[in-house]
Amino acid sequence: MRRMLCSVLIFFAAAVLMPTIASAQEIRVYVDGRPMNFDVPPTAIQGRVLVPLRGVFEQLGATVDFDARTQHIVAVRGSQSVELTLGSRQARVNDAPKLLDVAAFTINGRTMVPLRFVSESLGATVQWIEASRTILIGSPGAAAPAAPQPQPQPQSQTLSGSIVAVSTGDNPRLVVRANGQDRTVVVMPATAIFRYNAETNVGGSAPLGALRKGDQVAVDVNAQNQATKITATYRVPAAGKIASVNARNRTVTLADGRSYVVLGDADITLDGAAADFNAIQSGRIARFSVIEGTNQAYEVHVRVPPTANTAPPASVAAPTIMSPSSGATVGSTFPVKGKAQAGAVVVVKVQPKLLGQTAQAQTTAGADGSWSVNISVSAMPFVAFPYVLSAVQIVHGTQSDPVSIEVTVQ
């Protein structure tokens, strides 16, 4: 059964054939001369510009039916109809078979389809103006839209607020909520990214994937909506003993009465090692990182109390990384050395700045606090942008804040 487009939580996007354009460049879209505003900015991928098309189809008066089971899409405008299937180049226009130059697919839950094919099949026209990086879409019967006059570019600014979402990978983005409005900014390989504990000021260079929903953030944004610098801060509540756990609604209550809801995609560790929700058990000690202003935890560090009578430390200082130095160039396998508390477990991680993959190594600090590990990124896809190297130490189940630097891998 067909539904109006505005009631469907699917974003159509399309590929307009044109010369290759950098995805970070600003691209404007006009329908019948009216500018379109999108929650996700137009993006160039493999020489094609992709734009969210919900507003475009609303302007063209189209309706859409999406069958989640068969992944089949039908767009209808008047007597015109277009049928597409995710992952297939085969399509139909008014029941006549057509071949797409690129198959329909999804990115971050949004359906992507060729704009020129769909819009022209529905009777609309599409123009690309190279000089102003503008897409003009005209519906049937409408006067040919004039090219908009160049608008003055906004000046660089600092955007302050809280992180709503982080997207790593081929199209790295950061969504920031400031003054009640969400804004998406482009993250580039050259973007300087930092994350610090707001109370201890421990931290340093960070990969984009280390930023968390709820972090407070200041983002320097240039005129092209690119982040030139991101500085994020977080707060970690004091640890507490777990009194009860409700696995059904993922609610954890501490002995002092505080309760937290553990998000489904929360990062959970048990004594410093990656774990799942089952690690959260009564009698254990847990520390929660929460979205500011809520009790929703996006990170939970759990530790088993030691059997000895000695109480575990309330906090542990971050270790130091002595080698390599920040900004150094290393091979795909390289040694990392530093200092920590004697006998502490030291966990070292390295990951590309804008991707989510992580390599990890672990060791124990010697009697003098020295530690050393060899870590390898050879199993990761090679990327040209920097890698972030971080280290934490764990003492009697209590984990420190991370300390981190950037390196270049050859």
Protein backbone atom coordinates (compact mmCIF):
# COMPACT_ATOMS: atom_id res chain seq x y z
CA MET A 1 0.00 0.00 0.00
CA ARG A 2 1.38 3.32 -1.02
CA ARG A 3 2.18 5.90 1.61
CA MET A 4 2.92 9.58 1.28
CA LEU A 5 6.65 10.25 1.16
CA CYS A 6 6.57 12.42 4.27
CA SER A 7 5.46 9.40 6.35
CA VAL A 8 8.25 7.11 5.17
CA LEU A 9 11.49 7.13 7.15
CA ILE A 10 13.58 6.55 4.05
CA PHE A 11 15.78 9.11 2.44
CA PHE A 12 16.18 8.81 -1.30
CA ALA A 13 19.45 10.02 -2.75
CA ALA A 14 20.75 10.10 -6.24
CA ALA A 15 23.81 10.14 -8.40
CA VAL A 16 24.21 12.94 -10.94
CA LEU A 17 26.77 12.22 -13.66
CA MET A 18 29.37 14.96 -13.80
CA PRO A 19 33.09 15.60 -13.47
CA THR A 20 34.62 14.41 -10.21
CA ILE A 21 33.95 16.81 -7.33
CA ALA A 22 35.43 16.61 -3.84
CA SER A 23 32.79 15.46 -1.35
CA ALA A 24 33.66 18.28 1.03
CA GLN A 25 32.70 21.01 -1.44
CA GLU A 26 29.42 22.76 -0.87
CA ILE A 27 26.71 21.71 -3.34
CA ARG A 28 23.38 23.52 -3.55
CA VAL A 29 20.10 22.03 -4.79
CA TYR A 30 17.12 24.00 -6.18
CA VAL A 31 13.69 22.62 -7.15
CA ASP A 32 11.75 24.97 -9.45
CA GLY A 33 14.03 27.77 -8.25
CA ARG A 34 13.45 27.07 -4.55
CA PRO A 35 16.54 26.23 -2.47
CA MET A 36 16.48 22.90 -0.65
CA ASN A 37 17.88 22.38 2.85
CA PHE A 38 18.93 18.91 3.96
CA ASP A 39 19.84 17.37 7.32
CA VAL A 40 22.69 15.56 5.53
CA PRO A 41 24.75 17.71 3.14
CA PRO A 42 25.11 16.68 -0.52
CA THR A 43 28.08 14.35 -0.92
CA ALA A 44 30.26 13.28 -3.85
CA ILE A 45 31.15 9.59 -4.12
CA GLN A 46 33.13 8.14 -7.02
CA GLY A 47 32.41 11.11 -9.28
CA ARG A 48 28.68 11.24 -8.53
CA VAL A 49 26.90 13.71 -6.27
CA LEU A 50 24.50 12.13 -3.79
CA VAL A 51 21.72 14.19 -2.21
CA PRO A 52 18.88 13.26 0.15
CA LEU A 53 15.75 13.32 -1.99
CA ARG A 54 12.86 13.31 0.48
CA GLY A 55 12.34 17.04 0.07
CA VAL A 56 12.84 16.80 -3.71
CA PHE A 57 10.09 14.21 -4.10
CA GLU A 58 7.79 16.21 -1.86
CA GLN A 59 8.36 19.23 -4.07
CA LEU A 60 7.65 17.12 -7.17
CA GLY A 61 4.44 15.76 -5.63
CA ALA A 62 5.55 12.11 -5.70
CA THR A 63 4.52 9.31 -3.36
CA VAL A 64 6.62 6.28 -2.44
CA ASP A 65 5.97 2.67 -1.44
CA PHE A 66 8.86 0.76 0.13
CA ASP A 67 8.58 -2.96 0.89
CA ALA A 68 11.19 -3.74 3.55
CA ARG A 69 10.83 -7.50 3.01
CA THR A 70 11.57 -7.44 -0.72
CA GLN A 71 13.59 -4.18 -0.69
CA HIS A 72 11.36 -2.99 -3.55
CA ILE A 73 10.65 0.72 -4.11
CA VAL A 74 7.88 2.30 -6.18
CA ALA A 75 7.76 6.08 -6.82
CA VAL A 76 4.59 7.52 -8.41
CA ARG A 77 3.86 11.02 -9.69
CA GLY A 78 0.60 11.39 -11.59
CA SER A 79 0.63 8.85 -14.41
CA GLN A 80 4.39 8.33 -14.15
CA SER A 81 5.80 5.43 -12.11
CA VAL A 82 9.30 4.16 -11.36
CA GLU A 83 10.18 0.81 -9.75
CA LEU A 84 13.57 -0.04 -8.21
CA THR A 85 15.05 -2.79 -6.05
CA LEU A 86 17.96 -2.29 -3.65
CA GLY A 87 21.15 -3.87 -5.00
CA SER A 88 19.82 -4.21 -8.55
CA ARG A 89 20.45 -2.20 -11.72
CA GLN A 90 17.18 -3.42 -13.18
CA ALA A 91 14.33 -0.89 -13.05
CA ARG A 92 10.98 -0.23 -14.69
CA VAL A 93 9.52 3.06 -15.91
CA ASN A 94 5.79 2.91 -16.66
CA ASP A 95 6.18 -0.90 -16.80
CA ALA A 96 8.98 -0.65 -19.42
CA PRO A 97 12.35 -2.17 -18.37
CA LYS A 98 15.27 0.22 -17.87
CA LEU A 99 18.90 -0.30 -16.80
CA LEU A 100 20.41 1.94 -14.12
CA ASP A 101 24.02 3.06 -14.47
CA VAL A 102 24.39 2.36 -10.72
CA ALA A 103 22.31 0.05 -8.54
CA ALA A 104 20.16 1.39 -5.74
CA PHE A 105 21.86 0.92 -2.36
CA THR A 106 21.84 2.20 1.22
CA ILE A 107 24.30 4.32 3.18
CA ASN A 108 23.80 4.70 6.93
CA GLY A 109 20.22 3.48 6.58
CA ARG A 110 19.34 5.85 3.75
CA THR A 111 18.30 4.58 0.34
CA MET A 112 20.42 5.94 -2.52
CA VAL A 113 19.16 6.00 -6.12
CA PRO A 114 20.18 7.85 -9.30
CA LEU A 115 18.62 11.31 -9.23
CA ARG A 116 18.81 11.94 -12.97
CA PHE A 117 17.15 8.62 -13.82
CA VAL A 118 14.35 8.92 -11.25
CA SER A 119 13.65 12.63 -11.70
CA GLU A 120 13.61 12.46 -15.51
CA SER A 121 11.53 9.27 -15.39
CA LEU A 122 8.99 11.20 -13.32
CA GLY A 123 9.00 13.95 -15.94
CA ALA A 124 11.38 16.38 -14.22
CA THR A 125 14.62 17.86 -15.58
CA VAL A 126 18.04 18.04 -13.97
CA GLN A 127 20.82 20.54 -14.67
CA TRP A 128 24.33 20.71 -13.20
CA ILE A 129 26.07 24.11 -13.07
CA GLU A 130 29.78 23.51 -12.59
CA ALA A 131 30.79 27.10 -11.80
CA SER A 132 28.52 27.39 -8.75
CA ARG A 133 28.32 23.66 -7.89
CA THR A 134 24.54 23.79 -8.18
CA ILE A 135 21.89 21.21 -9.11
CA LEU A 136 18.72 22.63 -10.69
CA ILE A 137 15.62 20.41 -10.81
CA GLY A 138 12.56 21.50 -12.76
CA SER A 139 9.13 19.84 -12.67
CA PRO A 140 7.02 19.54 -15.87
CA GLY A 141 5.33 22.79 -16.86
CA ALA A 142 7.49 24.92 -14.60
CA ALA A 143 9.52 27.74 -16.07
CA ALA A 144 13.18 26.91 -16.49
CA PRO A 145 14.82 27.96 -13.23
CA ALA A 146 17.44 30.66 -13.48
CA ALA A 147 20.80 29.94 -11.99
CA PRO A 148 20.90 31.41 -8.49
CA GLN A 149 23.19 34.33 -7.83
CA PRO A 150 26.33 33.41 -5.92
CA GLN A 151 25.79 33.93 -2.22
CA PRO A 152 28.50 35.21 0.08
CA GLN A 153 30.21 32.34 1.83
CA PRO A 154 29.88 32.22 5.62
CA GLN A 155 32.99 32.96 7.59
CA SER A 156 34.75 30.43 9.77
CA GLN A 157 33.08 29.88 13.12
CA THR A 158 33.27 27.82 16.29
CA LEU A 159 30.34 25.50 16.92
CA SER A 160 29.85 24.61 20.60
CA GLY A 161 27.42 22.00 21.87
CA SER A 162 27.12 18.25 22.41
CA ILE A 163 27.76 15.37 20.03
CA VAL A 164 24.60 13.74 18.64
CA ALA A 165 26.20 11.25 16.23
CA VAL A 166 29.56 10.25 14.78
CA SER A 167 30.02 8.65 11.35
CA THR A 168 33.39 7.13 10.40
CA GLY A 169 34.45 5.54 7.12
CA ASP A 170 34.28 6.87 3.56
CA ASN A 171 32.16 9.90 4.53
CA PRO A 172 33.25 10.94 8.04
CA ARG A 173 30.77 13.32 9.66
CA LEU A 174 30.04 14.78 13.07
CA VAL A 175 26.56 15.87 14.16
CA VAL A 176 26.57 18.58 16.83
CA ARG A 177 23.55 19.86 18.74
CA ALA A 178 23.99 23.57 19.47
CA ASN A 179 21.26 25.92 20.69
CA GLY A 180 18.63 23.24 20.12
CA GLN A 181 19.57 22.64 16.47
CA ASP A 182 21.55 19.78 14.93
CA ARG A 183 24.30 20.54 12.45
CA THR A 184 26.33 18.05 10.42
CA VAL A 185 29.93 18.97 9.62
CA VAL A 186 32.47 17.24 7.38
CA VAL A 187 35.56 15.73 9.03
CA MET A 188 38.71 15.71 6.90
CA PRO A 189 42.01 13.82 7.23
CA ALA A 190 43.62 17.14 8.17
CA THR A 191 41.08 17.83 10.94
CA ALA A 192 42.79 18.04 14.34
CA ILE A 193 40.81 15.90 16.82
CA PHE A 194 41.30 15.92 20.60
CA ARG A 195 39.40 14.34 23.50
CA TYR A 196 40.00 15.11 27.19
CA ASN A 197 38.61 14.18 30.58
CA ALA A 198 36.93 17.44 31.66
CA GLU A 199 37.96 16.92 35.30
CA THR A 200 41.55 15.69 34.96
CA ASN A 201 42.39 17.18 31.53
CA VAL A 202 43.97 13.84 30.61
CA GLY A 203 43.74 12.89 26.95
CA GLY A 204 45.16 14.07 23.67
CA SER A 205 44.86 13.28 19.98
CA ALA A 206 41.92 11.00 19.30
CA PRO A 207 40.43 9.07 16.36
CA LEU A 208 37.02 10.21 15.20
CA GLY A 209 35.56 6.90 16.40
CA ALA A 210 36.64 7.66 19.99
CA LEU A 211 34.23 10.61 20.19
CA ARG A 212 31.01 9.64 21.93
CA LYS A 213 27.41 10.77 21.86
CA GLY A 214 27.00 13.22 24.74
CA ASP A 215 30.57 14.55 24.67
CA GLN A 216 30.76 18.32 24.96
CA VAL A 217 32.51 19.66 21.90
CA ALA A 218 33.91 22.82 20.32
CA VAL A 219 34.29 22.52 16.53
CA ASP A 220 36.12 25.08 14.40
CA VAL A 221 34.24 25.06 11.06
CA ASN A 222 35.46 26.76 7.88
CA ALA A 223 33.40 28.31 5.07
CA GLN A 224 33.08 24.92 3.31
CA ASN A 225 31.44 23.33 6.40
CA GLN A 226 34.63 21.39 7.12
CA ALA A 227 35.82 20.87 10.67
CA THR A 228 39.37 22.16 11.03
CA LYS A 229 39.63 21.33 14.75
CA ILE A 230 37.48 19.26 17.13
CA THR A 231 37.98 19.44 20.89
CA ALA A 232 35.75 17.08 22.87
CA THR A 233 35.49 16.69 26.64
CA TYR A 234 33.76 14.05 28.73
CA ARG A 235 32.93 13.41 32.38
CA VAL A 236 33.10 10.06 34.12
CA PRO A 237 30.91 9.56 37.21
CA ALA A 238 32.51 7.96 40.25
CA ALA A 239 32.44 4.17 40.25
CA GLY A 240 29.93 2.33 42.39
CA LYS A 241 29.06 -1.20 43.50
CA ILE A 242 26.30 -2.83 41.45
CA ALA A 243 23.27 -3.67 43.58
CA SER A 244 20.93 -5.07 40.89
CA VAL A 245 20.70 -5.59 37.14
CA ASN A 246 17.53 -5.70 35.02
CA ALA A 247 18.63 -7.35 31.77
CA ARG A 248 15.23 -6.86 30.15
CA ASN A 249 15.42 -3.06 30.08
CA ARG A 250 19.23 -2.91 30.57
CA THR A 251 18.91 -0.90 33.80
CA VAL A 252 21.70 -1.10 36.37
CA THR A 253 21.19 0.14 39.93
CA LEU A 254 24.12 0.91 42.22
CA ALA A 255 24.30 0.44 45.98
CA ASP A 256 23.88 4.20 46.53
CA GLY A 257 20.60 4.24 44.56
CA ARG A 258 21.86 5.69 41.29
CA SER A 259 20.62 3.87 38.20
CA TYR A 260 21.77 3.85 34.60
CA VAL A 261 20.33 2.52 31.34
CA VAL A 262 23.05 0.84 29.26
CA LEU A 263 22.57 1.61 25.56
CA GLY A 264 22.42 -1.31 23.15
CA ASP A 265 25.63 -0.22 21.39
CA ALA A 266 27.51 0.75 24.57
CA ASP A 267 31.19 -0.15 24.86
CA ILE A 268 31.59 -2.51 27.83
CA THR A 269 34.83 -3.77 29.38
CA LEU A 270 35.49 -6.23 32.20
CA ASP A 271 38.80 -5.68 33.96
CA GLY A 272 39.99 -3.81 30.86
CA ALA A 273 39.00 -6.45 28.28
CA ALA A 274 36.12 -6.07 25.83
CA ALA A 275 32.93 -7.68 27.17
CA ASP A 276 29.16 -7.75 26.69
CA PHE A 277 26.21 -6.91 28.93
CA ASN A 278 26.64 -10.18 30.86
CA ALA A 279 29.76 -8.69 32.48
CA ILE A 280 27.51 -6.31 34.45
CA GLN A 281 26.67 -8.34 37.58
CA SER A 282 25.66 -7.62 41.15
CA GLY A 283 28.61 -7.17 43.49
CA ARG A 284 30.95 -5.89 40.80
CA ILE A 285 32.19 -2.32 40.51
CA ALA A 286 31.10 -0.27 37.49
CA ARG A 287 31.91 3.14 36.11
CA PHE A 288 29.52 4.72 33.60
CA SER A 289 30.06 7.34 30.89
CA VAL A 290 26.66 8.87 30.21
CA ILE A 291 25.03 11.22 27.72
CA GLU A 292 25.01 14.58 29.45
CA GLY A 293 21.70 15.38 31.12
CA THR A 294 20.54 11.74 31.03
CA ASN A 295 21.22 8.43 32.76
CA GLN A 296 21.91 6.66 29.43
CA ALA A 297 25.36 5.05 29.46
CA TYR A 298 27.35 4.73 26.24
CA GLU A 299 30.43 3.26 27.99
CA VAL A 300 30.66 0.97 31.03
CA HIS A 301 33.88 -0.19 32.69
CA VAL A 302 33.29 -3.13 35.02
CA ARG A 303 35.80 -4.63 37.42
CA VAL A 304 35.73 -7.56 39.82
CA PRO A 305 36.66 -6.47 43.36
CA PRO A 306 39.95 -8.04 44.52
CA THR A 307 39.73 -10.80 47.08
CA ALA A 308 42.37 -9.10 49.24
CA ASN A 309 41.30 -6.71 51.95
CA THR A 310 43.12 -3.85 50.26
CA ALA A 311 40.57 -1.58 48.61
CA PRO A 312 41.10 -0.86 44.90
CA PRO A 313 42.22 2.67 44.01
CA ALA A 314 39.46 5.17 43.30
CA SER A 315 41.35 6.40 40.26
CA VAL A 316 44.51 5.63 38.32
CA ALA A 317 46.74 8.12 36.53
CA ALA A 318 47.24 7.71 32.80
CA PRO A 319 50.46 6.02 31.64
CA THR A 320 52.99 7.78 29.45
CA ILE A 321 54.02 6.95 25.88
CA MET A 322 57.74 7.58 25.50
CA SER A 323 58.24 6.08 22.04
CA PRO A 324 57.31 6.69 19.28
CA SER A 325 57.03 10.44 19.62
CA SER A 326 53.90 12.28 18.49
CA GLY A 327 54.01 12.86 14.73
CA ALA A 328 56.58 10.13 14.11
CA THR A 329 56.53 7.89 11.04
CA VAL A 330 56.43 4.14 11.78
CA GLY A 331 56.19 0.89 9.85
CA SER A 332 53.22 -1.46 9.75
CA THR A 333 54.67 -3.23 12.83
CA PHE A 334 56.42 -1.07 15.40
CA PRO A 335 57.42 -1.02 19.10
CA VAL A 336 55.67 1.17 21.66
CA LYS A 337 57.38 1.98 24.96
CA GLY A 338 56.38 3.94 28.02
CA LYS A 339 56.02 4.21 31.79
CA ALA A 340 53.19 3.10 34.09
CA GLN A 341 52.64 2.00 37.66
CA ALA A 342 54.70 -1.07 38.56
CA GLY A 343 52.71 -4.24 37.87
CA ALA A 344 49.93 -2.41 36.02
CA VAL A 345 48.31 -4.00 32.99
CA VAL A 346 48.94 -1.70 29.99
CA VAL A 347 46.60 -1.87 26.98
CA VAL A 348 47.82 -0.19 23.77
CA LYS A 349 45.54 0.49 20.79
CA VAL A 350 46.13 1.96 17.34
CA GLN A 351 43.47 2.89 14.79
CA PRO A 352 43.16 5.04 11.66
CA LYS A 353 42.03 8.55 12.51
CA LEU A 354 38.81 8.43 10.47
CA LEU A 355 38.01 4.69 10.47
CA GLY A 356 36.72 2.31 13.11
CA GLN A 357 39.21 -0.59 12.89
CA THR A 358 41.44 -1.11 15.92
CA ALA A 359 44.60 -3.14 16.60
CA GLN A 360 45.47 -3.86 20.22
CA ALA A 361 48.34 -5.23 22.32
CA GLN A 362 48.68 -5.77 26.06
CA THR A 363 51.55 -6.10 28.52
CA THR A 364 52.43 -5.69 32.21
CA ALA A 365 54.64 -2.91 33.49
CA GLY A 366 57.87 -4.04 35.14
CA ALA A 367 59.11 -3.30 38.66
CA ASP A 368 60.42 0.07 37.51
CA GLY A 369 57.20 0.89 35.63
CA SER A 370 58.68 0.38 32.16
CA TRP A 371 56.58 -1.36 29.55
CA SER A 372 56.98 -2.23 25.87
CA VAL A 373 54.80 -3.90 23.23
CA ASN A 374 54.97 -4.54 19.49
CA ILE A 375 51.80 -3.56 17.67
CA SER A 376 50.84 -4.22 14.05
CA VAL A 377 48.40 -2.57 11.65
CA SER A 378 49.22 -4.89 8.74
CA ALA A 379 45.79 -6.56 8.97
CA MET A 380 44.00 -3.23 8.55
CA PRO A 381 43.12 -1.58 5.22
CA PHE A 382 45.96 0.83 4.51
CA VAL A 383 44.99 4.50 4.63
CA ALA A 384 47.00 7.64 4.01
CA PHE A 385 45.70 9.74 6.89
CA PRO A 386 47.22 9.59 10.41
CA TYR A 387 46.74 6.83 12.96
CA VAL A 388 46.01 7.45 16.65
CA LEU A 389 48.03 5.49 19.20
CA SER A 390 46.60 5.32 22.74
CA ALA A 391 47.43 3.59 26.02
CA VAL A 392 45.65 2.97 29.33
CA GLN A 393 46.80 1.23 32.49
CA ILE A 394 44.67 -0.99 34.75
CA VAL A 395 45.47 -1.34 38.46
CA HIS A 396 43.38 -3.80 40.53
CA GLY A 397 40.59 -3.53 37.97
CA THR A 398 40.54 0.28 37.88
CA GLN A 399 41.28 1.68 34.42
CA SER A 400 42.94 5.01 33.76
CA ASP A 401 41.96 7.60 31.20
CA PRO A 402 43.69 7.08 27.83
CA VAL A 403 46.73 9.04 26.73
CA SER A 404 47.19 9.27 22.98
CA ILE A 405 49.36 10.59 20.13
CA GLU A 406 49.26 10.62 16.32
CA VAL A 407 51.64 8.67 14.09
CA THR A 408 52.01 8.16 10.35
CA VAL A 409 52.22 4.59 9.05
CA GLN A 410 54.29 3.79 5.96
